[in-house]
Amino acid sequence: GKCYLETIEKEKSVRFLEKAFQLDSKIAPDIHYLIGKGYQFGGQFEKAIENFTKYKDDVASAKPSNKDDLIKKADKHIEECNNAKI
């Protein structure tokens, strides 16, 4: 899934990232961020926003040292999705 995010077919990443999350919800601390990006690139903005919001919740509960930066990054993607919907 992560590899697809680096290609021109970014939306194909979602299938693999979702499957990885189903198999192990703790597979990566940024799994919801990656899934959100896949949905965003695929034009599924509501699902993208949902995953970026879950990512923000994950970051808040994990309390990494760069928490504010990570939340701002997710907020930027949420704003992009909202603008795309308009």
Protein backbone atom coordinates (compact mmCIF):
# COMPACT_ATOMS: atom_id res chain seq x y z
CA GLY A 1 0.00 0.00 0.00
CA LYS A 2 2.76 2.43 0.88
CA CYS A 3 4.45 1.72 -2.45
CA TYR A 4 1.28 2.56 -4.37
CA LEU A 5 1.23 5.95 -2.64
CA GLU A 6 4.52 6.67 -4.41
CA THR A 7 3.14 5.85 -7.88
CA ILE A 8 0.72 7.47 -10.29
CA GLU A 9 -1.95 4.97 -9.15
CA LYS A 10 -2.13 6.20 -5.55
CA GLU A 11 -5.80 5.26 -5.11
CA LYS A 12 -4.84 1.56 -5.41
CA SER A 13 -3.07 1.83 -2.05
CA VAL A 14 -6.34 1.83 -0.11
CA ARG A 15 -7.14 -1.83 -0.73
CA PHE A 16 -3.79 -2.97 0.67
CA LEU A 17 -3.66 -0.50 3.55
CA GLU A 18 -7.20 -1.37 4.66
CA LYS A 19 -6.33 -5.08 4.53
CA ALA A 20 -3.17 -4.50 6.59
CA PHE A 21 -5.21 -2.59 9.16
CA GLN A 22 -7.80 -5.40 9.32
CA LEU A 23 -5.07 -7.95 9.95
CA ASP A 24 -3.30 -5.87 12.61
CA SER A 25 -4.75 -2.56 13.81
CA LYS A 26 -1.36 -1.66 15.31
CA ILE A 27 0.56 -2.32 12.06
CA ALA A 28 1.81 1.28 11.81
CA PRO A 29 1.20 4.37 13.93
CA ASP A 30 0.32 6.35 10.79
CA ILE A 31 -1.93 3.76 9.13
CA HIS A 32 -5.00 6.03 9.22
CA TYR A 33 -2.97 8.87 7.70
CA LEU A 34 -1.83 6.62 4.85
CA ILE A 35 -5.35 5.30 4.26
CA GLY A 36 -6.63 8.87 4.28
CA LYS A 37 -4.12 9.88 1.62
CA GLY A 38 -5.18 6.95 -0.55
CA TYR A 39 -8.83 7.93 -0.29
CA GLN A 40 -7.97 11.57 -0.92
CA PHE A 41 -6.10 10.75 -4.10
CA GLY A 42 -9.00 8.53 -5.17
CA GLY A 43 -11.49 11.38 -4.74
CA GLN A 44 -13.29 9.74 -1.80
CA PHE A 45 -13.08 12.81 0.39
CA GLU A 46 -15.49 11.79 3.16
CA LYS A 47 -13.58 8.55 3.79
CA ALA A 48 -10.33 10.50 3.65
CA ILE A 49 -11.55 12.99 6.25
CA GLU A 50 -12.74 10.12 8.45
CA ASN A 51 -9.28 8.53 8.38
CA PHE A 52 -7.40 11.79 8.89
CA THR A 53 -9.61 12.44 11.93
CA LYS A 54 -8.85 8.97 13.31
CA TYR A 55 -5.15 9.68 12.72
CA LYS A 56 -5.43 12.89 14.76
CA ASP A 57 -7.02 10.88 17.58
CA ASP A 58 -4.20 8.32 17.36
CA VAL A 59 -1.58 11.08 17.54
CA ALA A 60 -3.30 12.74 20.49
CA SER A 61 -3.38 9.50 22.46
CA ALA A 62 0.21 8.53 21.58
CA LYS A 63 1.55 11.98 22.53
CA PRO A 64 4.67 12.03 20.30
CA SER A 65 7.08 14.93 20.70
CA ASN A 66 6.01 16.39 17.33
CA LYS A 67 2.28 15.97 18.06
CA ASP A 68 1.34 19.51 17.01
CA ASP A 69 3.09 19.19 13.64
CA LEU A 70 1.41 15.86 12.91
CA ILE A 71 -2.02 17.23 13.77
CA LYS A 72 -1.41 20.30 11.58
CA LYS A 73 -0.45 17.99 8.70
CA ALA A 74 -3.69 16.04 9.09
CA ASP A 75 -5.71 19.27 9.38
CA LYS A 76 -4.17 20.48 6.11
CA HIS A 77 -5.34 17.32 4.34
CA ILE A 78 -8.81 17.66 5.87
CA GLU A 79 -8.98 21.24 4.60
CA GLU A 80 -7.88 20.08 1.13
CA CYS A 81 -10.63 17.45 1.11
CA ASN A 82 -13.25 19.97 2.19
CA ASN A 83 -12.12 22.37 -0.53
CA ALA A 84 -12.24 19.58 -3.12
CA LYS A 85 -15.82 18.71 -2.13
CA ILE A 86 -16.85 22.35 -2.72
